[in-house]
Amino acid sequence: MGSDYLSNPLVFLIQVLFGLYILVVMLRFLLQLTRADFYNPVSQIIVKATSPLLNPLRRVVPGFAGIDLAAIVLMWLVQSLELALIVMISGMGSNLAATLAWAIPELVNLALNVFLFAILIQVILSWVSPGTYNPALSLIHSLTEPVLRPAQRLIPPISGLDLSPMVVMVGLTLLKMLLLPPLQMLTGTPFR
């Protein structure tokens, strides 16, 4: 009881703190990828939160073909550090190379979850307050639009009801179900 009593809250705190930072870096990467409004107030908060670690890393890891490789490396390293700390606290033994591999399915899962939750939030807000402007909602729209657009072309609105978000969410969930187990098995991750 004694070791779990202190280790579980510590693991929880590590997951929350590291998870929030990784999420912010992921949002910066995805918003850059989707060419969201850089001057949006929410974008500016994300940029200011990630710049202290990202800017020095960019000197070592340049971008390629419009993709911010430094953000990917930063997410990967921070996720690996989080997993290494959790493994050490849990007493599972630590192998740095293993945590670097285990971080990959975790980041893929996070990216898919970002799109799933962004679509869900966009749908709910379209019911609650349609037509109102909000800087966060504008960014969510910028993030989800490239994913929703192909489904909206295939499935026209039925009686004014857009079913494309539901179709995309089902597709993203299927993608998670088909992609994550092989990735987890390939990397030997204990976190499932």
C-alpha atoms as a PDB file:
ATOM      1  CA  MET A   1       0.000   0.000   0.000  1.00  0.00           C
ATOM      2  CA  GLY A   2       2.807   2.431   0.891  1.00  0.00           C
ATOM      3  CA  SER A   3       4.483   2.601  -2.524  1.00  0.00           C
ATOM      4  CA  ASP A   4       1.214   2.868  -4.497  1.00  0.00           C
ATOM      5  CA  TYR A   5      -0.094   5.436  -2.034  1.00  0.00           C
ATOM      6  CA  LEU A   6       2.565   7.954  -3.086  1.00  0.00           C
ATOM      7  CA  SER A   7       3.428   6.755  -6.578  1.00  0.00           C
ATOM      8  CA  ASN A   8      -0.103   6.908  -8.025  1.00  0.00           C
ATOM      9  CA  PRO A   9      -0.604  10.621  -7.231  1.00  0.00           C
ATOM     10  CA  LEU A  10       2.913  11.371  -8.483  1.00  0.00           C
ATOM     11  CA  VAL A  11       2.280   9.501 -11.745  1.00  0.00           C
ATOM     12  CA  PHE A  12      -1.018  11.386 -12.088  1.00  0.00           C
ATOM     13  CA  LEU A  13       0.712  14.765 -11.648  1.00  0.00           C
ATOM     14  CA  ILE A  14       3.400  13.840 -14.180  1.00  0.00           C
ATOM     15  CA  GLN A  15       0.754  12.743 -16.685  1.00  0.00           C
ATOM     16  CA  VAL A  16      -1.233  15.965 -16.234  1.00  0.00           C
ATOM     17  CA  LEU A  17       1.700  18.384 -16.412  1.00  0.00           C
ATOM     18  CA  PHE A  18       3.563  16.671 -19.233  1.00  0.00           C
ATOM     19  CA  GLY A  19       0.306  15.848 -21.032  1.00  0.00           C
ATOM     20  CA  LEU A  20      -0.830  19.470 -21.041  1.00  0.00           C
ATOM     21  CA  TYR A  21       2.483  20.668 -22.445  1.00  0.00           C
ATOM     22  CA  ILE A  22       2.563  17.947 -25.094  1.00  0.00           C
ATOM     23  CA  LEU A  23      -1.013  18.864 -26.035  1.00  0.00           C
ATOM     24  CA  VAL A  24      -0.060  22.531 -26.452  1.00  0.00           C
ATOM     25  CA  VAL A  25       2.924  21.614 -28.654  1.00  0.00           C
ATOM     26  CA  MET A  26       0.677  19.235 -30.643  1.00  0.00           C
ATOM     27  CA  LEU A  27      -1.861  22.038 -31.130  1.00  0.00           C
ATOM     28  CA  ARG A  28       0.877  24.381 -32.320  1.00  0.00           C
ATOM     29  CA  PHE A  29       2.105  21.773 -34.797  1.00  0.00           C
ATOM     30  CA  LEU A  30      -1.389  20.962 -36.105  1.00  0.00           C
ATOM     31  CA  LEU A  31      -2.443  24.616 -36.306  1.00  0.00           C
ATOM     32  CA  GLN A  32       0.706  25.385 -38.308  1.00  0.00           C
ATOM     33  CA  LEU A  33       0.026  22.397 -40.528  1.00  0.00           C
ATOM     34  CA  THR A  34      -3.558  23.528 -41.210  1.00  0.00           C
ATOM     35  CA  ARG A  35      -2.421  27.149 -41.638  1.00  0.00           C
ATOM     36  CA  ALA A  36      -4.681  28.497 -38.904  1.00  0.00           C
ATOM     37  CA  ASP A  37      -4.715  32.208 -38.064  1.00  0.00           C
ATOM     38  CA  PHE A  38      -1.390  32.972 -36.374  1.00  0.00           C
ATOM     39  CA  TYR A  39      -2.701  36.262 -34.961  1.00  0.00           C
ATOM     40  CA  ASN A  40      -5.659  34.657 -33.204  1.00  0.00           C
ATOM     41  CA  PRO A  41      -5.365  35.338 -29.428  1.00  0.00           C
ATOM     42  CA  VAL A  42      -5.486  31.610 -28.651  1.00  0.00           C
ATOM     43  CA  SER A  43      -2.738  30.976 -31.226  1.00  0.00           C
ATOM     44  CA  GLN A  44      -0.617  33.623 -29.552  1.00  0.00           C
ATOM     45  CA  ILE A  45      -1.016  31.909 -26.154  1.00  0.00           C
ATOM     46  CA  ILE A  46       0.042  28.590 -27.711  1.00  0.00           C
ATOM     47  CA  VAL A  47       3.051  30.228 -29.400  1.00  0.00           C
ATOM     48  CA  LYS A  48       4.177  31.921 -26.170  1.00  0.00           C
ATOM     49  CA  ALA A  49       3.812  28.687 -24.179  1.00  0.00           C
ATOM     50  CA  THR A  50       5.855  26.624 -26.633  1.00  0.00           C
ATOM     51  CA  SER A  51       8.495  29.094 -27.845  1.00  0.00           C
ATOM     52  CA  PRO A  52      10.943  28.790 -24.893  1.00  0.00           C
ATOM     53  CA  LEU A  53      11.697  25.150 -25.760  1.00  0.00           C
ATOM     54  CA  LEU A  54      10.806  25.163 -29.443  1.00  0.00           C
ATOM     55  CA  ASN A  55      12.880  28.135 -30.645  1.00  0.00           C
ATOM     56  CA  PRO A  56      16.263  26.782 -29.440  1.00  0.00           C
ATOM     57  CA  LEU A  57      15.391  23.358 -30.854  1.00  0.00           C
ATOM     58  CA  ARG A  58      14.671  24.909 -34.256  1.00  0.00           C
ATOM     59  CA  ARG A  59      18.315  25.940 -34.508  1.00  0.00           C
ATOM     60  CA  VAL A  60      19.242  22.244 -34.416  1.00  0.00           C
ATOM     61  CA  VAL A  61      16.188  20.718 -36.136  1.00  0.00           C
ATOM     62  CA  PRO A  62      15.090  22.751 -39.169  1.00  0.00           C
ATOM     63  CA  GLY A  63      11.703  22.435 -40.800  1.00  0.00           C
ATOM     64  CA  PHE A  64      11.187  20.429 -43.961  1.00  0.00           C
ATOM     65  CA  ALA A  65       8.606  21.041 -46.713  1.00  0.00           C
ATOM     66  CA  GLY A  66       6.507  23.270 -44.456  1.00  0.00           C
ATOM     67  CA  ILE A  67       6.491  20.731 -41.611  1.00  0.00           C
ATOM     68  CA  ASP A  68       7.772  21.897 -38.234  1.00  0.00           C
ATOM     69  CA  LEU A  69      10.099  18.990 -37.446  1.00  0.00           C
ATOM     70  CA  ALA A  70      11.300  20.708 -34.264  1.00  0.00           C
ATOM     71  CA  ALA A  71       7.758  20.537 -32.837  1.00  0.00           C
ATOM     72  CA  ILE A  72       7.593  16.816 -33.646  1.00  0.00           C
ATOM     73  CA  VAL A  73      10.967  16.208 -31.993  1.00  0.00           C
ATOM     74  CA  LEU A  74       9.942  18.270 -28.950  1.00  0.00           C
ATOM     75  CA  MET A  75       6.684  16.310 -28.536  1.00  0.00           C
ATOM     76  CA  TRP A  76       8.557  13.045 -28.940  1.00  0.00           C
ATOM     77  CA  LEU A  77      11.240  13.956 -26.383  1.00  0.00           C
ATOM     78  CA  VAL A  78       8.785  15.315 -23.804  1.00  0.00           C
ATOM     79  CA  GLN A  79       6.516  12.269 -24.235  1.00  0.00           C
ATOM     80  CA  SER A  80       9.540   9.972 -23.849  1.00  0.00           C
ATOM     81  CA  LEU A  81      10.614  11.807 -20.695  1.00  0.00           C
ATOM     82  CA  GLU A  82       7.095  11.505 -19.266  1.00  0.00           C
ATOM     83  CA  LEU A  83       7.051   7.761 -19.947  1.00  0.00           C
ATOM     84  CA  ALA A  84      10.560   7.304 -18.505  1.00  0.00           C
ATOM     85  CA  LEU A  85       9.524   9.068 -15.290  1.00  0.00           C
ATOM     86  CA  ILE A  86       6.363   6.974 -15.024  1.00  0.00           C
ATOM     87  CA  VAL A  87       8.322   3.773 -15.577  1.00  0.00           C
ATOM     88  CA  MET A  88      10.890   4.764 -12.928  1.00  0.00           C
ATOM     89  CA  ILE A  89       8.226   5.683 -10.367  1.00  0.00           C
ATOM     90  CA  SER A  90       6.280   2.496 -11.094  1.00  0.00           C
ATOM     91  CA  GLY A  91       9.428   0.431 -10.588  1.00  0.00           C
ATOM     92  CA  MET A  92       9.170  -1.258 -13.993  1.00  0.00           C
ATOM     93  CA  GLY A  93      12.822  -0.671 -14.839  1.00  0.00           C
ATOM     94  CA  SER A  94      13.899   1.949 -17.307  1.00  0.00           C
ATOM     95  CA  ASN A  95      15.250   1.691 -20.825  1.00  0.00           C
ATOM     96  CA  LEU A  96      15.644   5.001 -22.661  1.00  0.00           C
ATOM     97  CA  ALA A  97      15.424   3.434 -26.111  1.00  0.00           C
ATOM     98  CA  ALA A  98      12.175   1.710 -25.134  1.00  0.00           C
ATOM     99  CA  THR A  99      10.549   4.929 -23.905  1.00  0.00           C
ATOM    100  CA  LEU A 100      11.561   6.654 -27.161  1.00  0.00           C
ATOM    101  CA  ALA A 101       9.690   3.924 -29.057  1.00  0.00           C
ATOM    102  CA  TRP A 102       6.717   3.895 -26.669  1.00  0.00           C
ATOM    103  CA  ALA A 103       6.219   7.631 -27.241  1.00  0.00           C
ATOM    104  CA  ILE A 104       5.277   7.103 -30.894  1.00  0.00           C
ATOM    105  CA  PRO A 105       1.891   5.377 -30.367  1.00  0.00           C
ATOM    106  CA  GLU A 106       1.131   7.810 -27.538  1.00  0.00           C
ATOM    107  CA  LEU A 107       1.615  10.782 -29.877  1.00  0.00           C
ATOM    108  CA  VAL A 108      -0.398   9.185 -32.685  1.00  0.00           C
ATOM    109  CA  ASN A 109      -3.211   8.558 -30.190  1.00  0.00           C
ATOM    110  CA  LEU A 110      -3.040  12.174 -29.010  1.00  0.00           C
ATOM    111  CA  ALA A 111      -3.173  13.545 -32.569  1.00  0.00           C
ATOM    112  CA  LEU A 112      -6.248  11.464 -33.396  1.00  0.00           C
ATOM    113  CA  ASN A 113      -7.885  12.466 -30.098  1.00  0.00           C
ATOM    114  CA  VAL A 114      -7.247  16.145 -30.834  1.00  0.00           C
ATOM    115  CA  PHE A 115      -9.196  15.830 -34.080  1.00  0.00           C
ATOM    116  CA  LEU A 116     -11.964  13.747 -32.461  1.00  0.00           C
ATOM    117  CA  PHE A 117     -12.499  16.211 -29.618  1.00  0.00           C
ATOM    118  CA  ALA A 118     -12.159  19.264 -31.869  1.00  0.00           C
ATOM    119  CA  ILE A 119     -14.914  17.928 -34.130  1.00  0.00           C
ATOM    120  CA  LEU A 120     -17.096  17.068 -31.133  1.00  0.00           C
ATOM    121  CA  ILE A 121     -16.613  20.537 -29.619  1.00  0.00           C
ATOM    122  CA  GLN A 122     -17.362  22.175 -32.964  1.00  0.00           C
ATOM    123  CA  VAL A 123     -20.586  20.168 -33.344  1.00  0.00           C
ATOM    124  CA  ILE A 124     -21.779  20.910 -29.816  1.00  0.00           C
ATOM    125  CA  LEU A 125     -21.023  24.613 -30.119  1.00  0.00           C
ATOM    126  CA  SER A 126     -22.820  24.763 -33.465  1.00  0.00           C
ATOM    127  CA  TRP A 127     -25.961  23.572 -31.657  1.00  0.00           C
ATOM    128  CA  VAL A 128     -25.546  25.766 -28.568  1.00  0.00           C
ATOM    129  CA  SER A 129     -24.503  29.050 -30.135  1.00  0.00           C
ATOM    130  CA  PRO A 130     -24.597  28.921 -33.932  1.00  0.00           C
ATOM    131  CA  GLY A 131     -23.187  31.855 -35.835  1.00  0.00           C
ATOM    132  CA  THR A 132     -21.332  33.485 -32.940  1.00  0.00           C
ATOM    133  CA  TYR A 133     -17.645  34.357 -33.203  1.00  0.00           C
ATOM    134  CA  ASN A 134     -15.165  33.063 -30.695  1.00  0.00           C
ATOM    135  CA  PRO A 135     -11.369  32.989 -31.244  1.00  0.00           C
ATOM    136  CA  ALA A 136     -11.123  29.412 -29.938  1.00  0.00           C
ATOM    137  CA  LEU A 137     -13.982  28.268 -32.177  1.00  0.00           C
ATOM    138  CA  SER A 138     -12.282  29.901 -35.147  1.00  0.00           C
ATOM    139  CA  LEU A 139      -9.133  27.852 -34.465  1.00  0.00           C
ATOM    140  CA  ILE A 140     -11.153  24.668 -34.007  1.00  0.00           C
ATOM    141  CA  HIS A 141     -12.792  25.312 -37.371  1.00  0.00           C
ATOM    142  CA  SER A 142      -9.363  25.869 -38.976  1.00  0.00           C
ATOM    143  CA  LEU A 143      -8.150  22.610 -37.459  1.00  0.00           C
ATOM    144  CA  THR A 144     -11.132  20.457 -38.437  1.00  0.00           C
ATOM    145  CA  GLU A 145     -11.931  21.942 -41.838  1.00  0.00           C
ATOM    146  CA  PRO A 146      -9.255  19.993 -43.792  1.00  0.00           C
ATOM    147  CA  VAL A 147     -10.493  16.745 -42.228  1.00  0.00           C
ATOM    148  CA  LEU A 148     -14.207  17.494 -42.646  1.00  0.00           C
ATOM    149  CA  ARG A 149     -14.074  18.965 -46.167  1.00  0.00           C
ATOM    150  CA  PRO A 150     -13.667  15.633 -48.051  1.00  0.00           C
ATOM    151  CA  ALA A 151     -16.572  14.082 -46.107  1.00  0.00           C
ATOM    152  CA  GLN A 152     -18.737  17.151 -46.749  1.00  0.00           C
ATOM    153  CA  ARG A 153     -18.139  16.757 -50.490  1.00  0.00           C
ATOM    154  CA  LEU A 154     -19.212  13.105 -50.382  1.00  0.00           C
ATOM    155  CA  ILE A 155     -22.189  13.510 -48.033  1.00  0.00           C
ATOM    156  CA  PRO A 156     -24.389  16.522 -48.747  1.00  0.00           C
ATOM    157  CA  PRO A 157     -26.477  17.927 -45.885  1.00  0.00           C
ATOM    158  CA  ILE A 158     -29.753  16.056 -45.383  1.00  0.00           C
ATOM    159  CA  SER A 159     -32.613  18.440 -44.569  1.00  0.00           C
ATOM    160  CA  GLY A 160     -30.051  20.984 -43.396  1.00  0.00           C
ATOM    161  CA  LEU A 161     -28.290  18.466 -41.147  1.00  0.00           C
ATOM    162  CA  ASP A 162     -24.562  17.969 -41.800  1.00  0.00           C
ATOM    163  CA  LEU A 163     -23.686  14.334 -41.084  1.00  0.00           C
ATOM    164  CA  SER A 164     -20.042  14.662 -42.149  1.00  0.00           C
ATOM    165  CA  PRO A 165     -18.731  15.222 -38.590  1.00  0.00           C
ATOM    166  CA  MET A 166     -20.282  11.934 -37.488  1.00  0.00           C
ATOM    167  CA  VAL A 167     -18.796  10.090 -40.473  1.00  0.00           C
ATOM    168  CA  VAL A 168     -15.335  11.579 -39.850  1.00  0.00           C
ATOM    169  CA  MET A 169     -15.509  10.753 -36.127  1.00  0.00           C
ATOM    170  CA  VAL A 170     -16.396   7.141 -36.952  1.00  0.00           C
ATOM    171  CA  GLY A 171     -13.509   7.059 -39.439  1.00  0.00           C
ATOM    172  CA  LEU A 172     -11.051   8.494 -36.915  1.00  0.00           C
ATOM    173  CA  THR A 173     -12.176   5.985 -34.282  1.00  0.00           C
ATOM    174  CA  LEU A 174     -11.723   3.127 -36.755  1.00  0.00           C
ATOM    175  CA  LEU A 175      -8.293   4.496 -37.633  1.00  0.00           C
ATOM    176  CA  LYS A 176      -7.370   4.465 -33.941  1.00  0.00           C
ATOM    177  CA  MET A 177      -8.598   0.883 -33.604  1.00  0.00           C
ATOM    178  CA  LEU A 178      -6.634  -0.271 -36.654  1.00  0.00           C
ATOM    179  CA  LEU A 179      -3.476   1.792 -36.210  1.00  0.00           C
ATOM    180  CA  LEU A 180      -2.722   1.873 -32.486  1.00  0.00           C
ATOM    181  CA  PRO A 181      -2.640  -1.866 -31.581  1.00  0.00           C
ATOM    182  CA  PRO A 182      -0.021  -2.719 -34.251  1.00  0.00           C
ATOM    183  CA  LEU A 183       2.027   0.344 -33.277  1.00  0.00           C
ATOM    184  CA  GLN A 184       1.845  -0.600 -29.593  1.00  0.00           C
ATOM    185  CA  MET A 185       2.774  -4.180 -30.355  1.00  0.00           C
ATOM    186  CA  LEU A 186       5.628  -3.119 -32.638  1.00  0.00           C
ATOM    187  CA  THR A 187       7.092  -0.782 -30.009  1.00  0.00           C
ATOM    188  CA  GLY A 188       6.369  -3.157 -27.095  1.00  0.00           C
ATOM    189  CA  THR A 189       4.600  -0.484 -25.122  1.00  0.00           C
ATOM    190  CA  PRO A 190       3.256  -1.490 -21.711  1.00  0.00           C
ATOM    191  CA  PHE A 191       0.754   1.426 -21.788  1.00  0.00           C
ATOM    192  CA  ARG A 192      -2.424   0.156 -23.454  1.00  0.00           C
END
